[in-house]
Amino acid sequence: MKQIYTPEGMQDILIEEGFNMRNMEADIRKHLRMCGYYEIITPTLEYYDVFTSGPNTMDSEMMYKLTDKNGQILVLRPDLTIPAARVFTTKIVGDKAMPKKLFYIGNVFRFNEVGGGKTNEFTQAGVEIMGQDGCLVDAEVIAKAIEISLLAGLENFQIDIGHSEFFIGIMEECGFSDKETEETRLLVEKKDFAGLELMLKTKGVNDNVGELVLSIPQLFGDATILDKAALYAHNEKSLNAIETLREILRILDDYKLSEYVSIDLGMVGSLKYYTGTIFKGYTYGVGFPYLGGGRYDTLTGNFGKKIPASGFSLGINILMKALIRQGMCGLAPSCDAFVGFVRKYRKEAIEISQFFRENNISTHLDISEYDEGEAVEFARNEGFKLFLYVREDGKVRYINFNNGVDRIIDYQDIIEWGNAL
């Protein structure tokens, strides 16, 4: 028989990983609701133009494309931040109560370089605060990223924070053109010192400017790096960025979360997308960030109105892989009780199962009509904690596999007995 595989970049998520993923998503959803965030759900299919119109666009080569019956190009959403901006700008912004704290959890589809935990379909969870700027907003977004990381079970992780305006200020101070700025940005992002030196030499940049540019990728570490950065920068834009980061660190200290944060002024990001604070989350076990975000005050302009916004998204699948590789993969799925029966006591077995479930005891009602011996073997092999079997005489055999108790009880007493299980 021909074997059928999943398409490249797609994967089946099996029982244990699926169980822990859904638990993680439920924990994130509960936490964000407790923090005053409201969930939005956007379509899996979006118009191609949503992601390719305006200055803040995504690479069309990474998108899964198809057409509708009218010939319009659709895509499987490659991202959830842009649809969130679309929803906010076109359907929520008329609400006078601002800002809006939004979140989402959903699957996205994107052609990636598969490997190391990356797939072409993955689950994103994210937070967006729209309609408000300022350090308090950026600090809260970063705090949510840290809180969710801790909630998921991560212990060893780091959130690196930068600011796009620091880099832009330095480029303007050096008198670089837009083309030179973008070329420099790419090299700085990769911390490619050799490439930077070659570029500066080729362009005949003077020593003072060259020293300033070469300093950028080296400006990372704890909060004291901001003092060092202030010695290099002599322009208002960069100095304001430094002060913004100092204030964000002070706020995160109030959250008691500053231990998870470091500074990286060489983290620049796309200058067309990010307009201020930028951050990424790293942990061992995966070779790339598991979360990323920042301020993007121009993104909503794609949909007709520029509105201040800040947020982040994280990859649930990548986070799961990191936890597994760190030996913190969560719980194995299990069911508490098995209830079997002879046929004439089916109704009673169903009543026992319903009672247990009402009392938060997960219960497997036998559908295989095992005899008592087969039922015991099945329940033991499947890892049930409790076993109940309604026998031919109407009595119930009860086994607790955890402590070895094995006894017979009357069906009439099962409800009272169940309260004590």
Protein backbone atom coordinates (compact mmCIF):
# COMPACT_ATOMS: atom_id res chain seq x y z
CA MET A 1 0.00 0.00 0.00
CA LYS A 2 1.27 3.47 -0.89
CA GLN A 3 2.51 5.44 2.13
CA ILE A 4 1.00 8.89 2.55
CA TYR A 5 3.15 11.55 4.15
CA THR A 6 2.43 15.09 5.30
CA PRO A 7 3.59 17.86 2.93
CA GLU A 8 7.06 19.28 3.46
CA GLY A 9 7.16 21.58 6.45
CA MET A 10 3.93 20.20 7.93
CA GLN A 11 3.68 17.79 10.82
CA ASP A 12 1.23 15.76 12.84
CA ILE A 13 1.08 16.68 16.51
CA LEU A 14 0.52 13.52 18.49
CA ILE A 15 -1.26 12.89 21.75
CA GLU A 16 1.23 13.98 24.40
CA GLU A 17 2.55 17.06 22.61
CA GLY A 18 -0.98 18.06 21.57
CA PHE A 19 -2.18 17.68 25.18
CA ASN A 20 0.58 19.93 26.49
CA MET A 21 0.18 22.46 23.66
CA ARG A 22 -3.53 22.88 24.36
CA ASN A 23 -2.84 23.18 28.08
CA MET A 24 -0.25 25.88 27.36
CA GLU A 25 -2.67 27.76 25.13
CA ALA A 26 -5.38 27.54 27.80
CA ASP A 27 -2.99 28.85 30.47
CA ILE A 28 -1.93 31.75 28.23
CA ARG A 29 -5.55 32.58 27.41
CA LYS A 30 -6.56 32.53 31.08
CA HIS A 31 -3.59 34.69 32.12
CA LEU A 32 -4.19 37.33 29.46
CA ARG A 33 -7.89 37.54 30.26
CA MET A 34 -6.96 38.08 33.90
CA CYS A 35 -4.71 40.94 32.73
CA GLY A 36 -7.56 42.69 30.90
CA TYR A 37 -6.80 41.53 27.36
CA TYR A 38 -9.52 40.58 24.88
CA GLU A 39 -9.15 37.83 22.29
CA ILE A 40 -9.71 38.42 18.58
CA ILE A 41 -10.03 35.64 16.01
CA THR A 42 -9.20 36.41 12.39
CA PRO A 43 -9.81 34.28 9.26
CA THR A 44 -7.35 31.64 8.18
CA LEU A 45 -7.71 33.00 4.64
CA GLU A 46 -6.93 36.67 3.99
CA TYR A 47 -6.59 38.74 0.85
CA TYR A 48 -3.05 38.82 -0.49
CA ASP A 49 -3.10 42.62 -0.42
CA VAL A 50 -3.46 42.66 3.38
CA PHE A 51 0.17 41.52 3.65
CA THR A 52 1.67 43.23 0.60
CA SER A 53 0.16 46.75 0.51
CA GLY A 54 1.92 49.74 2.03
CA PRO A 55 5.47 50.07 3.35
CA ASN A 56 5.08 47.35 6.02
CA THR A 57 4.90 44.30 3.78
CA MET A 58 5.85 40.65 4.02
CA ASP A 59 7.85 38.71 1.47
CA SER A 60 5.33 37.26 -0.97
CA GLU A 61 7.60 34.26 -1.62
CA MET A 62 6.93 32.99 1.90
CA MET A 63 3.14 32.88 1.46
CA TYR A 64 0.80 30.03 0.51
CA LYS A 65 -1.37 31.51 -2.27
CA LEU A 66 -4.63 30.47 -3.90
CA THR A 67 -7.50 32.18 -5.71
CA ASP A 68 -11.20 32.48 -4.96
CA LYS A 69 -13.97 31.89 -7.50
CA ASN A 70 -13.65 35.51 -8.69
CA GLY A 71 -9.93 35.17 -9.37
CA GLN A 72 -8.78 37.28 -6.41
CA ILE A 73 -5.56 36.15 -4.76
CA LEU A 74 -5.91 34.83 -1.23
CA VAL A 75 -3.26 33.63 1.21
CA LEU A 76 -3.18 31.37 4.20
CA ARG A 77 -2.32 33.95 6.84
CA PRO A 78 1.48 34.06 7.30
CA ASP A 79 1.23 36.25 10.39
CA LEU A 80 -1.33 37.37 12.97
CA THR A 81 -0.08 40.87 13.87
CA ILE A 82 -1.04 42.36 10.50
CA PRO A 83 -4.60 40.91 10.61
CA ALA A 84 -4.89 42.27 14.17
CA ALA A 85 -3.92 45.72 12.86
CA ARG A 86 -6.50 45.36 10.09
CA VAL A 87 -9.25 44.42 12.55
CA PHE A 88 -8.37 47.23 14.94
CA THR A 89 -8.16 49.93 12.27
CA THR A 90 -11.26 48.95 10.32
CA LYS A 91 -13.59 47.63 13.04
CA ILE A 92 -12.51 48.71 16.53
CA VAL A 93 -10.85 52.12 16.26
CA GLY A 94 -14.22 53.94 16.33
CA ASP A 95 -14.61 52.89 19.96
CA LYS A 96 -13.64 55.93 22.04
CA ALA A 97 -12.25 53.83 24.89
CA MET A 98 -8.54 53.57 24.18
CA PRO A 99 -6.16 51.85 24.36
CA LYS A 100 -7.32 48.35 23.47
CA LYS A 101 -5.48 45.36 24.87
CA LEU A 102 -5.87 42.48 22.44
CA PHE A 103 -4.50 38.96 22.09
CA TYR A 104 -4.74 36.06 19.67
CA ILE A 105 -3.85 32.39 19.47
CA GLY A 106 -3.96 30.72 16.08
CA ASN A 107 -2.14 28.87 13.34
CA VAL A 108 -0.12 30.63 10.65
CA PHE A 109 1.32 29.29 7.41
CA ARG A 110 4.67 30.33 6.03
CA PHE A 111 7.39 28.85 3.85
CA ASN A 112 10.35 28.59 6.22
CA GLU A 113 13.76 27.04 6.08
CA VAL A 114 12.55 23.85 7.70
CA GLY A 115 14.69 22.46 10.51
CA GLY A 116 15.71 23.13 14.08
CA GLY A 117 12.07 23.25 15.14
CA LYS A 118 10.76 25.42 12.28
CA THR A 119 7.74 24.22 10.34
CA ASN A 120 5.55 25.78 7.67
CA GLU A 121 2.45 25.62 9.85
CA PHE A 122 2.78 26.69 13.45
CA THR A 123 0.79 28.22 16.27
CA GLN A 124 1.31 31.83 17.23
CA ALA A 125 0.17 33.48 20.44
CA GLY A 126 0.50 37.23 20.69
CA VAL A 127 -0.39 40.43 22.48
CA GLU A 128 -1.12 43.82 20.92
CA ILE A 129 -1.78 47.11 22.74
CA MET A 130 -3.23 49.55 20.22
CA GLY A 131 -4.08 53.21 20.55
CA GLN A 132 -1.43 54.21 23.10
CA ASP A 133 2.28 55.00 23.07
CA GLY A 134 4.77 55.44 25.89
CA CYS A 135 7.15 53.47 28.07
CA LEU A 136 4.39 52.04 30.26
CA VAL A 137 2.87 50.34 27.22
CA ASP A 138 6.17 48.92 25.94
CA ALA A 139 7.12 47.74 29.43
CA GLU A 140 3.77 46.00 29.90
CA VAL A 141 4.12 44.19 26.58
CA ILE A 142 7.60 42.98 27.58
CA ALA A 143 6.26 42.00 31.01
CA LYS A 144 3.54 39.87 29.36
CA ALA A 145 6.21 38.15 27.25
CA ILE A 146 8.19 37.29 30.38
CA GLU A 147 5.12 36.21 32.37
CA ILE A 148 3.97 33.90 29.57
CA SER A 149 7.46 32.41 29.28
CA LEU A 150 7.44 31.65 33.00
CA LEU A 151 3.87 30.35 32.83
CA ALA A 152 4.89 27.94 30.05
CA GLY A 153 7.59 26.49 32.30
CA LEU A 154 10.74 28.13 30.95
CA GLU A 155 13.40 28.74 33.57
CA ASN A 156 16.46 29.77 31.57
CA PHE A 157 15.58 32.45 29.05
CA GLN A 158 16.49 36.02 28.24
CA ILE A 159 14.65 38.92 26.65
CA ASP A 160 17.00 41.20 24.69
CA ILE A 161 15.76 44.78 24.25
CA GLY A 162 16.89 47.36 21.72
CA HIS A 163 15.55 50.52 20.10
CA SER A 164 15.40 51.31 16.38
CA GLU A 165 15.77 55.06 16.98
CA PHE A 166 19.20 54.59 18.54
CA PHE A 167 20.49 53.10 15.29
CA ILE A 168 18.68 55.62 13.09
CA GLY A 169 20.15 58.50 15.09
CA ILE A 170 23.67 57.12 14.67
CA MET A 171 23.15 56.69 10.92
CA GLU A 172 21.91 60.27 10.61
CA GLU A 173 24.82 61.49 12.71
CA CYS A 174 27.18 59.70 10.31
CA GLY A 175 25.41 61.20 7.30
CA PHE A 176 24.56 57.81 5.77
CA SER A 177 22.05 57.60 2.91
CA ASP A 178 18.99 55.33 3.15
CA LYS A 179 20.79 52.71 1.05
CA GLU A 180 23.91 52.86 3.23
CA THR A 181 21.75 52.72 6.36
CA GLU A 182 20.00 49.55 5.19
CA GLU A 183 23.30 47.95 4.21
CA THR A 184 24.71 48.78 7.63
CA ARG A 185 21.57 47.54 9.39
CA LEU A 186 21.87 44.10 7.83
CA LEU A 187 25.51 43.78 8.87
CA VAL A 188 24.82 45.07 12.40
CA GLU A 189 21.91 42.62 12.84
CA LYS A 190 24.28 39.74 12.00
CA LYS A 191 27.06 41.28 14.13
CA ASP A 192 29.26 40.90 11.06
CA PHE A 193 32.30 42.95 12.14
CA ALA A 194 34.39 41.88 9.17
CA GLY A 195 31.64 42.86 6.78
CA LEU A 196 31.19 46.21 8.52
CA GLU A 197 34.89 46.99 8.39
CA LEU A 198 35.04 46.12 4.68
CA MET A 199 31.99 48.26 3.92
CA LEU A 200 33.36 51.25 5.84
CA LYS A 201 36.76 50.90 4.16
CA THR A 202 35.20 50.60 0.70
CA LYS A 203 33.15 53.76 1.26
CA GLY A 204 36.15 55.66 2.59
CA VAL A 205 34.44 56.50 5.89
CA ASN A 206 36.68 58.48 8.26
CA ASP A 207 38.03 56.86 11.42
CA ASN A 208 35.70 58.65 13.88
CA VAL A 209 32.56 57.64 11.97
CA GLY A 210 33.92 54.13 11.45
CA GLU A 211 34.57 53.71 15.17
CA LEU A 212 31.05 54.89 15.93
CA VAL A 213 29.44 52.42 13.50
CA LEU A 214 31.63 49.51 14.66
CA SER A 215 30.61 50.20 18.25
CA ILE A 216 26.93 49.45 17.63
CA PRO A 217 27.06 45.61 17.49
CA GLN A 218 29.18 45.61 20.66
CA LEU A 219 26.61 47.51 22.73
CA PHE A 220 24.93 44.61 24.49
CA GLY A 221 24.82 43.48 28.10
CA ASP A 222 23.18 44.63 31.32
CA ALA A 223 21.74 48.09 32.03
CA THR A 224 25.19 49.64 32.38
CA ILE A 225 25.68 49.31 28.61
CA LEU A 226 23.32 52.28 28.23
CA ASP A 227 25.88 54.49 29.98
CA LYS A 228 28.52 53.34 27.50
CA ALA A 229 26.15 53.93 24.58
CA ALA A 230 25.53 57.50 25.73
CA LEU A 231 29.27 58.20 25.34
CA TYR A 232 29.15 57.19 21.67
CA ALA A 233 25.94 58.94 20.67
CA HIS A 234 25.90 62.72 20.20
CA ASN A 235 22.45 63.17 18.69
CA GLU A 236 19.07 63.75 20.27
CA LYS A 237 17.34 60.79 18.64
CA SER A 238 19.81 58.21 19.97
CA LEU A 239 19.99 59.80 23.42
CA ASN A 240 16.18 59.83 23.67
CA ALA A 241 16.16 56.14 22.77
CA ILE A 242 18.63 55.45 25.59
CA GLU A 243 16.41 57.30 28.07
CA THR A 244 13.37 55.38 26.87
CA LEU A 245 15.15 52.07 27.50
CA ARG A 246 16.24 53.25 30.95
CA GLU A 247 12.62 54.05 31.86
CA ILE A 248 11.40 50.69 30.53
CA LEU A 249 13.99 48.93 32.70
CA ARG A 250 12.83 50.90 35.72
CA ILE A 251 9.23 49.84 35.09
CA LEU A 252 10.23 46.20 34.62
CA ASP A 253 12.07 46.45 37.92
CA ASP A 254 8.73 47.47 39.50
CA TYR A 255 7.26 44.32 37.96
CA LYS A 256 10.18 42.41 39.58
CA LEU A 257 11.05 41.04 36.13
CA SER A 258 14.23 42.93 35.27
CA GLU A 259 16.41 39.86 35.94
CA TYR A 260 15.14 38.35 32.68
CA VAL A 261 16.12 41.34 30.54
CA SER A 262 19.32 42.49 28.85
CA ILE A 263 20.13 45.29 26.41
CA ASP A 264 21.21 44.81 22.79
CA LEU A 265 21.49 48.06 20.85
CA GLY A 266 22.74 46.13 17.84
CA MET A 267 19.28 44.53 17.52
CA VAL A 268 17.78 46.78 14.89
CA GLY A 269 15.01 44.94 13.06
CA SER A 270 13.25 46.22 9.96
CA LEU A 271 13.33 50.03 9.95
CA LYS A 272 10.14 50.04 7.86
CA TYR A 273 8.29 48.08 10.53
CA TYR A 274 9.64 48.88 13.98
CA THR A 275 9.48 52.50 15.16
CA GLY A 276 10.88 52.24 18.67
CA THR A 277 11.46 49.52 21.22
CA ILE A 278 12.39 46.08 19.84
CA PHE A 279 12.82 42.84 21.75
CA LYS A 280 13.43 39.13 21.20
CA GLY A 281 13.28 36.13 23.50
CA TYR A 282 15.98 33.45 23.57
CA THR A 283 16.32 30.15 25.37
CA TYR A 284 18.58 27.16 24.91
CA GLY A 285 17.41 24.16 22.93
CA VAL A 286 16.47 26.19 19.83
CA GLY A 287 18.85 28.21 17.69
CA PHE A 288 16.63 31.21 17.04
CA PRO A 289 14.25 33.50 18.99
CA TYR A 290 11.06 31.91 20.31
CA LEU A 291 9.37 35.31 20.55
CA GLY A 292 9.78 38.78 19.14
CA GLY A 293 8.05 42.12 19.22
CA GLY A 294 8.27 45.84 19.67
CA ARG A 295 6.65 49.13 18.77
CA TYR A 296 5.20 49.55 15.27
CA ASP A 297 3.36 52.87 15.11
CA THR A 298 3.10 52.91 11.29
CA LEU A 299 1.68 49.43 10.65
CA THR A 300 -1.97 50.45 10.96
CA GLY A 301 -1.28 53.06 8.28
CA ASN A 302 -1.52 50.16 5.81
CA PHE A 303 -5.24 50.24 6.55
CA GLY A 304 -5.83 53.97 6.42
CA LYS A 305 -4.88 55.42 9.80
CA LYS A 306 -1.62 55.51 11.75
CA ILE A 307 -2.22 54.53 15.36
CA PRO A 308 0.43 53.84 18.02
CA ALA A 309 0.81 50.15 18.75
CA SER A 310 3.12 47.75 20.54
CA GLY A 311 3.06 43.97 20.81
CA PHE A 312 4.78 40.63 20.44
CA SER A 313 4.15 37.13 19.17
CA LEU A 314 5.65 33.82 20.21
CA GLY A 315 5.80 30.44 18.53
CA ILE A 316 3.99 27.85 20.64
CA ASN A 317 5.59 24.97 18.72
CA ILE A 318 9.09 26.38 19.15
CA LEU A 319 8.42 26.95 22.84
CA MET A 320 7.24 23.35 23.19
CA LYS A 321 10.39 22.05 21.49
CA ALA A 322 12.56 24.15 23.81
CA LEU A 323 10.76 22.74 26.86
CA ILE A 324 11.15 19.17 25.59
CA ARG A 325 14.87 19.64 24.93
CA GLN A 326 15.29 21.17 28.37
CA GLY A 327 13.55 18.19 29.98
CA MET A 328 10.46 20.16 30.99
CA CYS A 329 7.93 18.74 28.56
CA GLY A 330 4.91 18.87 30.90
CA LEU A 331 2.35 16.25 31.84
CA ALA A 332 1.54 12.99 30.11
CA PRO A 333 -2.18 12.86 29.23
CA SER A 334 -4.18 10.46 31.35
CA CYS A 335 -7.72 9.57 32.32
CA ASP A 336 -8.60 8.97 35.98
CA ALA A 337 -11.19 6.19 35.94
CA PHE A 338 -12.31 3.23 33.86
CA VAL A 339 -15.94 2.06 34.13
CA GLY A 340 -16.93 -1.33 32.63
CA PHE A 341 -20.11 -3.36 32.85
CA VAL A 342 -22.05 -6.41 31.84
CA ARG A 343 -24.70 -5.49 29.27
CA LYS A 344 -27.77 -5.51 31.53
CA TYR A 345 -26.13 -2.89 33.80
CA ARG A 346 -25.15 -0.48 31.02
CA LYS A 347 -27.51 2.23 32.36
CA GLU A 348 -25.93 2.03 35.82
CA ALA A 349 -22.41 2.21 34.37
CA ILE A 350 -23.35 5.32 32.41
CA GLU A 351 -24.75 6.90 35.61
CA ILE A 352 -21.49 6.17 37.46
CA SER A 353 -19.48 7.74 34.62
CA GLN A 354 -21.68 10.84 34.56
CA PHE A 355 -21.41 11.25 38.33
CA PHE A 356 -17.62 11.01 38.23
CA ARG A 357 -17.35 13.54 35.41
CA GLU A 358 -19.61 15.97 37.25
CA ASN A 359 -17.12 15.73 40.11
CA ASN A 360 -14.09 16.41 37.88
CA ILE A 361 -12.97 12.79 37.71
CA SER A 362 -12.16 12.11 34.07
CA THR A 363 -13.79 8.81 33.16
CA HIS A 364 -13.51 6.33 30.29
CA LEU A 365 -16.77 4.41 29.78
CA ASP A 366 -16.03 1.04 28.21
CA ILE A 367 -17.33 0.72 24.63
CA SER A 368 -15.63 -2.62 23.88
CA GLU A 369 -17.79 -4.71 26.21
CA TYR A 370 -14.77 -6.31 27.82
CA ASP A 371 -15.38 -9.06 30.32
CA GLU A 372 -14.08 -8.31 33.80
CA GLY A 373 -10.64 -9.87 33.31
CA GLU A 374 -10.09 -8.15 29.97
CA ALA A 375 -11.27 -4.87 31.45
CA VAL A 376 -8.80 -5.06 34.37
CA GLU A 377 -5.91 -5.78 32.00
CA PHE A 378 -6.90 -2.93 29.66
CA ALA A 379 -7.29 -0.42 32.52
CA ARG A 380 -3.96 -1.36 34.08
CA ASN A 381 -2.10 -1.16 30.75
CA GLU A 382 -3.63 2.21 29.89
CA GLY A 383 -2.60 3.74 33.21
CA PHE A 384 -6.00 4.44 34.79
CA LYS A 385 -5.91 5.25 38.49
CA LEU A 386 -9.35 3.79 39.30
CA PHE A 387 -11.25 0.78 37.98
CA LEU A 388 -14.97 0.09 38.41
CA TYR A 389 -16.86 -2.81 36.87
CA VAL A 390 -20.59 -3.48 37.31
CA ARG A 391 -20.87 -7.25 37.61
CA GLU A 392 -23.63 -9.71 36.73
CA ASP A 393 -24.97 -9.57 40.32
CA GLY A 394 -25.20 -5.74 40.25
CA LYS A 395 -22.28 -5.27 42.57
CA VAL A 396 -19.29 -3.13 41.59
CA ARG A 397 -15.67 -4.20 41.69
CA TYR A 398 -13.49 -1.24 42.64
CA ILE A 399 -9.71 -1.19 42.20
CA ASN A 400 -7.40 1.67 43.08
CA PHE A 401 -4.24 0.97 41.07
CA ASN A 402 -2.29 3.57 43.05
CA ASN A 403 -2.65 2.02 46.49
CA GLY A 404 -3.65 -1.58 45.60
CA VAL A 405 -7.15 -1.47 47.15
CA ASP A 406 -9.40 -4.08 45.47
CA ARG A 407 -12.92 -4.57 46.87
CA ILE A 408 -16.55 -5.22 46.02
CA ILE A 409 -19.20 -2.60 46.82
CA ASP A 410 -22.95 -2.34 46.29
CA TYR A 411 -24.10 -0.27 43.33
CA GLN A 412 -26.52 1.59 45.63
CA ASP A 413 -23.54 2.83 47.67
CA ILE A 414 -21.42 3.92 44.69
CA ILE A 415 -22.41 7.60 44.85
CA GLU A 416 -21.50 7.83 48.51
CA TRP A 417 -18.38 5.77 47.84
CA GLY A 418 -17.50 7.98 44.87
CA ASN A 419 -17.50 11.06 47.08
CA ALA A 420 -14.70 9.48 49.06
CA LEU A 421 -12.56 8.41 46.05
